[in-house]
């Protein structure tokens, strides 16, 4: 079991005679230390790569859903997607702060936000639509859901948080990896970004008056979300019914590696009586 404490600290020329003055060869203790360092480096590399690969897999799923939804429904609930991966230093600091054992298995089991993805949507209903589409993926296991949209935090924070597990297929193993997914509206994301900057500027000691202003701003952002979705629903309800001729148009379909004429001929052949 590899731990962060296994590798020796110090250089090869440090304390504890590392080179034999007679032969110039490396001492057995130093050879063992170098081997331990290499093993730790390899395990840490595989550890971090597994989270990068898990992030890549989830991002691929999101992009597929976004593109398919845009093509089929002429609308996408996903406005923007970003991701981040904690650094080894950040992981270690959090493990120490939380009192978790400093070994990779314990860190994997206890720290579930090493990989993170944020999805920004236009409307509140879109956040739940995206959640359902991701949860419906066969190889995505939802481990935890925290709905701060229906039950906002005391400071006004709103977002939908998911902890999911996805299998990562390495060369010699299948490693289940957890990823935190945050889904929120544009207004929620703007508020959260501003709140983070304010708390960083004041080093957490934000004046009470500013805290109250933030809470009121969160309420205003929520009212804006509700109003904008109502307006969107009204616009959708007023849209004209699609003309039959439009059903034969391929203009809105993503480009295929097939000639347009061939597709249209195929479509006519299916519609003509035999």
C-alpha atoms as a PDB file:
ATOM      1  CA  UNK A   1       0.000   0.000   0.000  1.00  0.00           C
ATOM      2  CA  UNK A   2       1.593   3.260  -1.129  1.00  0.00           C
ATOM      3  CA  UNK A   3       1.520   6.203   1.252  1.00  0.00           C
ATOM      4  CA  UNK A   4       2.664   9.778   0.983  1.00  0.00           C
ATOM      5  CA  UNK A   5       5.071   9.075   3.848  1.00  0.00           C
ATOM      6  CA  UNK A   6       6.849   6.121   2.188  1.00  0.00           C
ATOM      7  CA  UNK A   7       9.297   8.200   0.163  1.00  0.00           C
ATOM      8  CA  UNK A   8      12.376   9.581   1.965  1.00  0.00           C
ATOM      9  CA  UNK A   9      12.881  13.336   2.138  1.00  0.00           C
ATOM     10  CA  UNK A  10      16.259  14.791   1.150  1.00  0.00           C
ATOM     11  CA  UNK A  11      18.782  14.507  -1.646  1.00  0.00           C
ATOM     12  CA  UNK A  12      21.041  11.596  -2.477  1.00  0.00           C
ATOM     13  CA  UNK A  13      23.986  13.527  -1.096  1.00  0.00           C
ATOM     14  CA  UNK A  14      22.281  14.233   2.229  1.00  0.00           C
ATOM     15  CA  UNK A  15      22.753  12.644   5.630  1.00  0.00           C
ATOM     16  CA  UNK A  16      23.405   8.913   5.893  1.00  0.00           C
ATOM     17  CA  UNK A  17      26.377   8.020   3.688  1.00  0.00           C
ATOM     18  CA  UNK A  18      24.930   7.312   0.252  1.00  0.00           C
ATOM     19  CA  UNK A  19      28.109   6.671  -1.765  1.00  0.00           C
ATOM     20  CA  UNK A  20      30.892   4.292  -0.849  1.00  0.00           C
ATOM     21  CA  UNK A  21      34.166   6.299  -0.787  1.00  0.00           C
ATOM     22  CA  UNK A  22      36.104   3.278  -2.047  1.00  0.00           C
ATOM     23  CA  UNK A  23      34.012   1.964  -4.880  1.00  0.00           C
ATOM     24  CA  UNK A  24      31.882   5.003  -5.727  1.00  0.00           C
ATOM     25  CA  UNK A  25      28.824   2.711  -5.837  1.00  0.00           C
ATOM     26  CA  UNK A  26      25.437   3.588  -4.357  1.00  0.00           C
ATOM     27  CA  UNK A  27      24.779   2.023  -0.982  1.00  0.00           C
ATOM     28  CA  UNK A  28      22.000  -0.574  -0.586  1.00  0.00           C
ATOM     29  CA  UNK A  29      19.941   1.798   1.586  1.00  0.00           C
ATOM     30  CA  UNK A  30      20.062   4.481  -1.082  1.00  0.00           C
ATOM     31  CA  UNK A  31      19.151   2.007  -3.833  1.00  0.00           C
ATOM     32  CA  UNK A  32      16.109   0.986  -1.807  1.00  0.00           C
ATOM     33  CA  UNK A  33      15.187   4.632  -1.268  1.00  0.00           C
ATOM     34  CA  UNK A  34      15.444   5.390  -4.985  1.00  0.00           C
ATOM     35  CA  UNK A  35      13.318   2.341  -5.811  1.00  0.00           C
ATOM     36  CA  UNK A  36      10.705   3.413  -3.264  1.00  0.00           C
ATOM     37  CA  UNK A  37      10.657   6.923  -4.725  1.00  0.00           C
ATOM     38  CA  UNK A  38      10.183   5.574  -8.246  1.00  0.00           C
ATOM     39  CA  UNK A  39       7.361   3.287  -7.118  1.00  0.00           C
ATOM     40  CA  UNK A  40       5.623   6.167  -5.331  1.00  0.00           C
ATOM     41  CA  UNK A  41       5.979   8.381  -8.385  1.00  0.00           C
ATOM     42  CA  UNK A  42       4.475   5.654 -10.591  1.00  0.00           C
ATOM     43  CA  UNK A  43       1.523   5.087  -8.249  1.00  0.00           C
ATOM     44  CA  UNK A  44       0.868   8.824  -7.903  1.00  0.00           C
ATOM     45  CA  UNK A  45       0.985   9.213 -11.678  1.00  0.00           C
ATOM     46  CA  UNK A  46      -1.515   6.396 -12.216  1.00  0.00           C
ATOM     47  CA  UNK A  47      -3.664   7.797  -9.397  1.00  0.00           C
ATOM     48  CA  UNK A  48      -3.861  11.265 -10.958  1.00  0.00           C
ATOM     49  CA  UNK A  49      -4.284   9.898 -14.491  1.00  0.00           C
ATOM     50  CA  UNK A  50      -7.310   7.854 -13.428  1.00  0.00           C
ATOM     51  CA  UNK A  51      -9.082  11.062 -12.370  1.00  0.00           C
ATOM     52  CA  UNK A  52      -8.101  12.827 -15.581  1.00  0.00           C
ATOM     53  CA  UNK A  53      -9.455   9.926 -17.633  1.00  0.00           C
ATOM     54  CA  UNK A  54     -12.683   9.868 -15.594  1.00  0.00           C
ATOM     55  CA  UNK A  55     -13.115  13.597 -16.255  1.00  0.00           C
ATOM     56  CA  UNK A  56     -12.492  13.051 -19.967  1.00  0.00           C
ATOM     57  CA  UNK A  57     -15.119  10.282 -20.071  1.00  0.00           C
ATOM     58  CA  UNK A  58     -17.773  12.411 -18.369  1.00  0.00           C
ATOM     59  CA  UNK A  59     -16.975  15.395 -20.601  1.00  0.00           C
ATOM     60  CA  UNK A  60     -17.377  13.178 -23.668  1.00  0.00           C
ATOM     61  CA  UNK A  61     -20.789  12.041 -22.431  1.00  0.00           C
ATOM     62  CA  UNK A  62     -21.846  15.639 -21.805  1.00  0.00           C
ATOM     63  CA  UNK A  63     -20.715  16.772 -25.254  1.00  0.00           C
ATOM     64  CA  UNK A  64     -22.572  13.887 -26.904  1.00  0.00           C
ATOM     65  CA  UNK A  65     -25.761  14.737 -25.020  1.00  0.00           C
ATOM     66  CA  UNK A  66     -25.383  18.419 -25.873  1.00  0.00           C
ATOM     67  CA  UNK A  67     -24.882  17.783 -29.585  1.00  0.00           C
ATOM     68  CA  UNK A  68     -27.641  15.190 -29.823  1.00  0.00           C
ATOM     69  CA  UNK A  69     -30.103  17.379 -27.925  1.00  0.00           C
ATOM     70  CA  UNK A  70     -29.294  20.338 -30.194  1.00  0.00           C
ATOM     71  CA  UNK A  71     -29.828  18.257 -33.350  1.00  0.00           C
ATOM     72  CA  UNK A  72     -33.033  16.534 -32.251  1.00  0.00           C
ATOM     73  CA  UNK A  73     -34.733  19.304 -30.286  1.00  0.00           C
ATOM     74  CA  UNK A  74     -33.157  22.376 -31.899  1.00  0.00           C
ATOM     75  CA  UNK A  75     -32.192  23.451 -28.368  1.00  0.00           C
ATOM     76  CA  UNK A  76     -29.591  22.458 -25.803  1.00  0.00           C
ATOM     77  CA  UNK A  77     -30.049  22.677 -22.026  1.00  0.00           C
ATOM     78  CA  UNK A  78     -26.255  22.921 -21.651  1.00  0.00           C
ATOM     79  CA  UNK A  79     -24.755  26.385 -22.081  1.00  0.00           C
ATOM     80  CA  UNK A  80     -21.203  25.891 -20.827  1.00  0.00           C
ATOM     81  CA  UNK A  81     -19.016  23.150 -19.353  1.00  0.00           C
ATOM     82  CA  UNK A  82     -15.773  23.460 -17.386  1.00  0.00           C
ATOM     83  CA  UNK A  83     -13.633  21.018 -15.432  1.00  0.00           C
ATOM     84  CA  UNK A  84     -10.827  21.013 -12.903  1.00  0.00           C
ATOM     85  CA  UNK A  85      -8.491  18.510 -11.262  1.00  0.00           C
ATOM     86  CA  UNK A  86      -7.060  19.031  -7.794  1.00  0.00           C
ATOM     87  CA  UNK A  87      -3.269  19.111  -7.649  1.00  0.00           C
ATOM     88  CA  UNK A  88      -1.402  16.477  -5.590  1.00  0.00           C
ATOM     89  CA  UNK A  89      -0.512  19.262  -3.143  1.00  0.00           C
ATOM     90  CA  UNK A  90      -4.157  20.272  -2.818  1.00  0.00           C
ATOM     91  CA  UNK A  91      -5.208  16.653  -2.279  1.00  0.00           C
ATOM     92  CA  UNK A  92      -2.586  16.209   0.439  1.00  0.00           C
ATOM     93  CA  UNK A  93      -3.596  19.408   2.221  1.00  0.00           C
ATOM     94  CA  UNK A  94      -7.249  18.384   2.235  1.00  0.00           C
ATOM     95  CA  UNK A  95      -6.422  14.880   3.498  1.00  0.00           C
ATOM     96  CA  UNK A  96      -4.432  16.382   6.374  1.00  0.00           C
ATOM     97  CA  UNK A  97      -7.137  18.954   7.137  1.00  0.00           C
ATOM     98  CA  UNK A  98      -9.849  16.281   7.196  1.00  0.00           C
ATOM     99  CA  UNK A  99      -7.717  13.807   9.153  1.00  0.00           C
ATOM    100  CA  UNK A 100      -7.769  11.129   6.440  1.00  0.00           C
ATOM    101  CA  UNK A 101      -4.995   8.522   6.261  1.00  0.00           C
ATOM    102  CA  UNK A 102      -2.160   9.599   3.964  1.00  0.00           C
ATOM    103  CA  UNK A 103      -2.346   6.630   1.624  1.00  0.00           C
ATOM    104  CA  UNK A 104      -3.841   6.490  -1.845  1.00  0.00           C
ATOM    105  CA  UNK A 105      -6.617   3.995  -1.146  1.00  0.00           C
ATOM    106  CA  UNK A 106      -7.842   6.003   1.849  1.00  0.00           C
ATOM    107  CA  UNK A 107      -7.687   9.244  -0.102  1.00  0.00           C
ATOM    108  CA  UNK A 108      -9.630   7.691  -3.000  1.00  0.00           C
ATOM    109  CA  UNK A 109     -12.320   6.475  -0.580  1.00  0.00           C
ATOM    110  CA  UNK A 110     -12.630   9.681   1.445  1.00  0.00           C
ATOM    111  CA  UNK A 111     -12.007  12.577  -0.954  1.00  0.00           C
ATOM    112  CA  UNK A 112     -14.622  12.530  -3.686  1.00  0.00           C
ATOM    113  CA  UNK A 113     -14.071  15.912  -5.321  1.00  0.00           C
ATOM    114  CA  UNK A 114     -10.582  15.359  -6.735  1.00  0.00           C
ATOM    115  CA  UNK A 115     -12.121  15.601 -10.209  1.00  0.00           C
ATOM    116  CA  UNK A 116     -14.827  18.190 -10.746  1.00  0.00           C
ATOM    117  CA  UNK A 117     -17.079  19.250 -13.620  1.00  0.00           C
ATOM    118  CA  UNK A 118     -19.373  22.277 -13.698  1.00  0.00           C
ATOM    119  CA  UNK A 119     -22.295  22.455 -16.114  1.00  0.00           C
ATOM    120  CA  UNK A 120     -24.036  25.791 -16.665  1.00  0.00           C
ATOM    121  CA  UNK A 121     -27.616  25.744 -17.943  1.00  0.00           C
ATOM    122  CA  UNK A 122     -30.065  28.406 -19.076  1.00  0.00           C
ATOM    123  CA  UNK A 123     -32.998  27.469 -16.868  1.00  0.00           C
ATOM    124  CA  UNK A 124     -33.736  25.714 -13.581  1.00  0.00           C
ATOM    125  CA  UNK A 125     -35.627  22.881 -15.296  1.00  0.00           C
ATOM    126  CA  UNK A 126     -32.559  22.293 -17.481  1.00  0.00           C
ATOM    127  CA  UNK A 127     -30.429  21.463 -14.430  1.00  0.00           C
ATOM    128  CA  UNK A 128     -32.705  18.547 -13.569  1.00  0.00           C
ATOM    129  CA  UNK A 129     -32.953  17.499 -17.213  1.00  0.00           C
ATOM    130  CA  UNK A 130     -29.170  17.276 -17.444  1.00  0.00           C
ATOM    131  CA  UNK A 131     -29.017  15.394 -14.142  1.00  0.00           C
ATOM    132  CA  UNK A 132     -31.501  12.821 -15.414  1.00  0.00           C
ATOM    133  CA  UNK A 133     -29.659  12.371 -18.708  1.00  0.00           C
ATOM    134  CA  UNK A 134     -26.364  11.732 -16.919  1.00  0.00           C
ATOM    135  CA  UNK A 135     -27.934   9.468 -14.312  1.00  0.00           C
ATOM    136  CA  UNK A 136     -29.482   7.447 -17.134  1.00  0.00           C
ATOM    137  CA  UNK A 137     -26.073   6.465 -18.508  1.00  0.00           C
ATOM    138  CA  UNK A 138     -25.510   2.740 -17.924  1.00  0.00           C
ATOM    139  CA  UNK A 139     -21.932   3.096 -16.678  1.00  0.00           C
ATOM    140  CA  UNK A 140     -22.561   6.165 -14.489  1.00  0.00           C
ATOM    141  CA  UNK A 141     -23.450   5.389 -10.871  1.00  0.00           C
ATOM    142  CA  UNK A 142     -24.900   8.248  -8.839  1.00  0.00           C
ATOM    143  CA  UNK A 143     -23.492   7.961  -5.319  1.00  0.00           C
ATOM    144  CA  UNK A 144     -24.801  11.174  -3.794  1.00  0.00           C
ATOM    145  CA  UNK A 145     -27.103  14.082  -4.648  1.00  0.00           C
ATOM    146  CA  UNK A 146     -27.226  17.418  -2.831  1.00  0.00           C
ATOM    147  CA  UNK A 147     -29.998  19.655  -4.131  1.00  0.00           C
ATOM    148  CA  UNK A 148     -29.161  23.210  -3.106  1.00  0.00           C
ATOM    149  CA  UNK A 149     -31.667  24.531  -5.653  1.00  0.00           C
ATOM    150  CA  UNK A 150     -34.738  23.268  -3.825  1.00  0.00           C
ATOM    151  CA  UNK A 151     -33.022  23.782  -0.461  1.00  0.00           C
ATOM    152  CA  UNK A 152     -30.506  26.653  -0.798  1.00  0.00           C
ATOM    153  CA  UNK A 153     -27.737  27.138   1.730  1.00  0.00           C
ATOM    154  CA  UNK A 154     -28.222  29.783   4.415  1.00  0.00           C
ATOM    155  CA  UNK A 155     -26.092  32.269   2.484  1.00  0.00           C
ATOM    156  CA  UNK A 156     -28.253  31.864  -0.626  1.00  0.00           C
ATOM    157  CA  UNK A 157     -26.020  29.460  -2.563  1.00  0.00           C
ATOM    158  CA  UNK A 158     -27.893  27.378  -5.134  1.00  0.00           C
ATOM    159  CA  UNK A 159     -26.608  24.485  -7.231  1.00  0.00           C
ATOM    160  CA  UNK A 160     -27.252  20.822  -7.891  1.00  0.00           C
ATOM    161  CA  UNK A 161     -24.344  18.638  -6.750  1.00  0.00           C
ATOM    162  CA  UNK A 162     -23.797  15.043  -7.837  1.00  0.00           C
ATOM    163  CA  UNK A 163     -21.088  12.585  -6.838  1.00  0.00           C
ATOM    164  CA  UNK A 164     -20.881   9.922  -9.531  1.00  0.00           C
ATOM    165  CA  UNK A 165     -18.629   6.938 -10.112  1.00  0.00           C
ATOM    166  CA  UNK A 166     -17.469   5.840 -13.542  1.00  0.00           C
ATOM    167  CA  UNK A 167     -15.218   2.895 -14.505  1.00  0.00           C
ATOM    168  CA  UNK A 168     -11.865   3.832 -15.999  1.00  0.00           C
ATOM    169  CA  UNK A 169     -10.296   1.072 -18.097  1.00  0.00           C
ATOM    170  CA  UNK A 170      -6.548   1.110 -17.505  1.00  0.00           C
ATOM    171  CA  UNK A 171      -4.022  -1.259 -19.132  1.00  0.00           C
ATOM    172  CA  UNK A 172      -4.129  -3.728 -16.246  1.00  0.00           C
ATOM    173  CA  UNK A 173      -7.264  -2.882 -14.257  1.00  0.00           C
ATOM    174  CA  UNK A 174     -10.716  -1.343 -14.228  1.00  0.00           C
ATOM    175  CA  UNK A 175     -10.697   1.458 -11.671  1.00  0.00           C
ATOM    176  CA  UNK A 176     -13.954   3.006 -10.423  1.00  0.00           C
ATOM    177  CA  UNK A 177     -13.348   6.744 -10.072  1.00  0.00           C
ATOM    178  CA  UNK A 178     -15.542   9.380  -8.462  1.00  0.00           C
ATOM    179  CA  UNK A 179     -16.279  12.753 -10.058  1.00  0.00           C
ATOM    180  CA  UNK A 180     -18.148  15.696  -8.556  1.00  0.00           C
ATOM    181  CA  UNK A 181     -20.594  17.355 -10.955  1.00  0.00           C
ATOM    182  CA  UNK A 182     -22.104  20.761 -10.216  1.00  0.00           C
ATOM    183  CA  UNK A 183     -25.096  21.802 -12.313  1.00  0.00           C
ATOM    184  CA  UNK A 184     -26.435  25.350 -12.054  1.00  0.00           C
ATOM    185  CA  UNK A 185     -28.023  28.153 -14.055  1.00  0.00           C
ATOM    186  CA  UNK A 186     -26.125  31.112 -15.480  1.00  0.00           C
ATOM    187  CA  UNK A 187     -27.512  33.354 -12.708  1.00  0.00           C
ATOM    188  CA  UNK A 188     -26.510  30.859 -10.000  1.00  0.00           C
ATOM    189  CA  UNK A 189     -23.028  30.581 -11.479  1.00  0.00           C
ATOM    190  CA  UNK A 190     -22.587  34.356 -11.608  1.00  0.00           C
ATOM    191  CA  UNK A 191     -23.657  34.681  -7.966  1.00  0.00           C
ATOM    192  CA  UNK A 192     -21.378  31.834  -6.820  1.00  0.00           C
ATOM    193  CA  UNK A 193     -18.403  33.349  -8.654  1.00  0.00           C
ATOM    194  CA  UNK A 194     -18.956  36.737  -7.018  1.00  0.00           C
ATOM    195  CA  UNK A 195     -19.464  35.175  -3.585  1.00  0.00           C
ATOM    196  CA  UNK A 196     -16.203  33.238  -3.928  1.00  0.00           C
ATOM    197  CA  UNK A 197     -14.273  36.407  -4.860  1.00  0.00           C
ATOM    198  CA  UNK A 198     -15.725  38.313  -1.903  1.00  0.00           C
ATOM    199  CA  UNK A 199     -14.893  35.571   0.623  1.00  0.00           C
ATOM    200  CA  UNK A 200     -11.389  35.312  -0.839  1.00  0.00           C
ATOM    201  CA  UNK A 201     -10.865  39.089  -0.601  1.00  0.00           C
ATOM    202  CA  UNK A 202     -11.968  39.175   3.055  1.00  0.00           C
ATOM    203  CA  UNK A 203     -10.211  35.874   3.876  1.00  0.00           C
ATOM    204  CA  UNK A 204     -13.545  34.443   5.050  1.00  0.00           C
ATOM    205  CA  UNK A 205     -14.316  37.312   7.472  1.00  0.00           C
ATOM    206  CA  UNK A 206     -17.004  38.982   5.365  1.00  0.00           C
ATOM    207  CA  UNK A 207     -18.890  41.873   7.064  1.00  0.00           C
ATOM    208  CA  UNK A 208     -22.445  41.013   8.101  1.00  0.00           C
ATOM    209  CA  UNK A 209     -23.922  43.737   5.895  1.00  0.00           C
ATOM    210  CA  UNK A 210     -22.200  42.268   2.832  1.00  0.00           C
ATOM    211  CA  UNK A 211     -23.353  38.762   3.763  1.00  0.00           C
ATOM    212  CA  UNK A 212     -26.941  40.037   3.868  1.00  0.00           C
ATOM    213  CA  UNK A 213     -26.487  41.800   0.523  1.00  0.00           C
ATOM    214  CA  UNK A 214     -25.248  38.541  -0.978  1.00  0.00           C
ATOM    215  CA  UNK A 215     -28.258  36.674   0.360  1.00  0.00           C
ATOM    216  CA  UNK A 216     -30.604  39.253  -1.137  1.00  0.00           C
ATOM    217  CA  UNK A 217     -28.728  39.063  -4.434  1.00  0.00           C
ATOM    218  CA  UNK A 218     -29.217  35.270  -4.401  1.00  0.00           C
ATOM    219  CA  UNK A 219     -32.979  35.795  -3.933  1.00  0.00           C
ATOM    220  CA  UNK A 220     -32.982  38.250  -6.842  1.00  0.00           C
ATOM    221  CA  UNK A 221     -31.063  35.786  -9.019  1.00  0.00           C
ATOM    222  CA  UNK A 222     -33.604  33.086  -8.222  1.00  0.00           C
ATOM    223  CA  UNK A 223     -36.501  35.377  -9.146  1.00  0.00           C
ATOM    224  CA  UNK A 224     -34.724  36.172 -12.406  1.00  0.00           C
ATOM    225  CA  UNK A 225     -34.313  32.455 -13.157  1.00  0.00           C
ATOM    226  CA  UNK A 226     -38.020  31.827 -12.574  1.00  0.00           C
ATOM    227  CA  UNK A 227     -39.093  34.848 -14.663  1.00  0.00           C
ATOM    228  CA  UNK A 228     -36.772  34.024 -17.580  1.00  0.00           C
ATOM    229  CA  UNK A 229     -38.019  30.439 -17.713  1.00  0.00           C
ATOM    230  CA  UNK A 230     -41.630  31.640 -17.773  1.00  0.00           C
ATOM    231  CA  UNK A 231     -40.801  33.952 -20.676  1.00  0.00           C
ATOM    232  CA  UNK A 232     -39.030  31.105 -22.482  1.00  0.00           C
ATOM    233  CA  UNK A 233     -42.038  28.805 -22.055  1.00  0.00           C
ATOM    234  CA  UNK A 234     -44.335  31.505 -23.448  1.00  0.00           C
ATOM    235  CA  UNK A 235     -42.113  31.974 -26.499  1.00  0.00           C
ATOM    236  CA  UNK A 236     -41.993  28.216 -27.138  1.00  0.00           C
ATOM    237  CA  UNK A 237     -45.780  28.026 -26.898  1.00  0.00           C
ATOM    238  CA  UNK A 238     -46.119  30.719 -29.581  1.00  0.00           C
ATOM    239  CA  UNK A 239     -43.775  29.050 -32.066  1.00  0.00           C
ATOM    240  CA  UNK A 240     -45.572  27.974 -35.285  1.00  0.00           C
ATOM    241  CA  UNK A 241     -46.109  24.309 -36.089  1.00  0.00           C
ATOM    242  CA  UNK A 242     -43.391  22.938 -38.367  1.00  0.00           C
ATOM    243  CA  UNK A 243     -44.406  22.845 -42.026  1.00  0.00           C
ATOM    244  CA  UNK A 244     -44.360  19.418 -43.681  1.00  0.00           C
ATOM    245  CA  UNK A 245     -41.823  20.665 -46.211  1.00  0.00           C
ATOM    246  CA  UNK A 246     -39.401  21.414 -43.388  1.00  0.00           C
ATOM    247  CA  UNK A 247     -39.390  17.744 -42.460  1.00  0.00           C
ATOM    248  CA  UNK A 248     -37.415  17.058 -45.640  1.00  0.00           C
ATOM    249  CA  UNK A 249     -34.794  19.721 -44.936  1.00  0.00           C
ATOM    250  CA  UNK A 250     -31.364  18.621 -43.736  1.00  0.00           C
ATOM    251  CA  UNK A 251     -30.165  22.163 -43.062  1.00  0.00           C
ATOM    252  CA  UNK A 252     -30.411  21.828 -39.270  1.00  0.00           C
ATOM    253  CA  UNK A 253     -28.803  18.391 -39.137  1.00  0.00           C
ATOM    254  CA  UNK A 254     -25.059  18.163 -38.397  1.00  0.00           C
ATOM    255  CA  UNK A 255     -22.991  17.303 -41.516  1.00  0.00           C
ATOM    256  CA  UNK A 256     -22.881  13.627 -42.433  1.00  0.00           C
ATOM    257  CA  UNK A 257     -20.120  11.886 -44.426  1.00  0.00           C
ATOM    258  CA  UNK A 258     -22.748  11.194 -47.109  1.00  0.00           C
ATOM    259  CA  UNK A 259     -23.974  13.359 -50.014  1.00  0.00           C
ATOM    260  CA  UNK A 260     -27.143  15.265 -49.220  1.00  0.00           C
ATOM    261  CA  UNK A 261     -28.742  14.061 -52.454  1.00  0.00           C
ATOM    262  CA  UNK A 262     -28.212  10.445 -51.454  1.00  0.00           C
ATOM    263  CA  UNK A 263     -29.943  10.993 -48.113  1.00  0.00           C
ATOM    264  CA  UNK A 264     -32.866  12.773 -49.769  1.00  0.00           C
ATOM    265  CA  UNK A 265     -33.237   9.936 -52.308  1.00  0.00           C
ATOM    266  CA  UNK A 266     -33.218   7.407 -49.518  1.00  0.00           C
ATOM    267  CA  UNK A 267     -35.871   9.385 -47.657  1.00  0.00           C
ATOM    268  CA  UNK A 268     -38.106   9.583 -50.750  1.00  0.00           C
ATOM    269  CA  UNK A 269     -37.726   5.842 -51.276  1.00  0.00           C
ATOM    270  CA  UNK A 270     -38.962   5.156 -47.743  1.00  0.00           C
ATOM    271  CA  UNK A 271     -41.980   7.445 -48.148  1.00  0.00           C
ATOM    272  CA  UNK A 272     -43.141   6.139 -51.553  1.00  0.00           C
ATOM    273  CA  UNK A 273     -45.635   3.218 -51.525  1.00  0.00           C
ATOM    274  CA  UNK A 274     -44.216  -0.101 -52.719  1.00  0.00           C
END
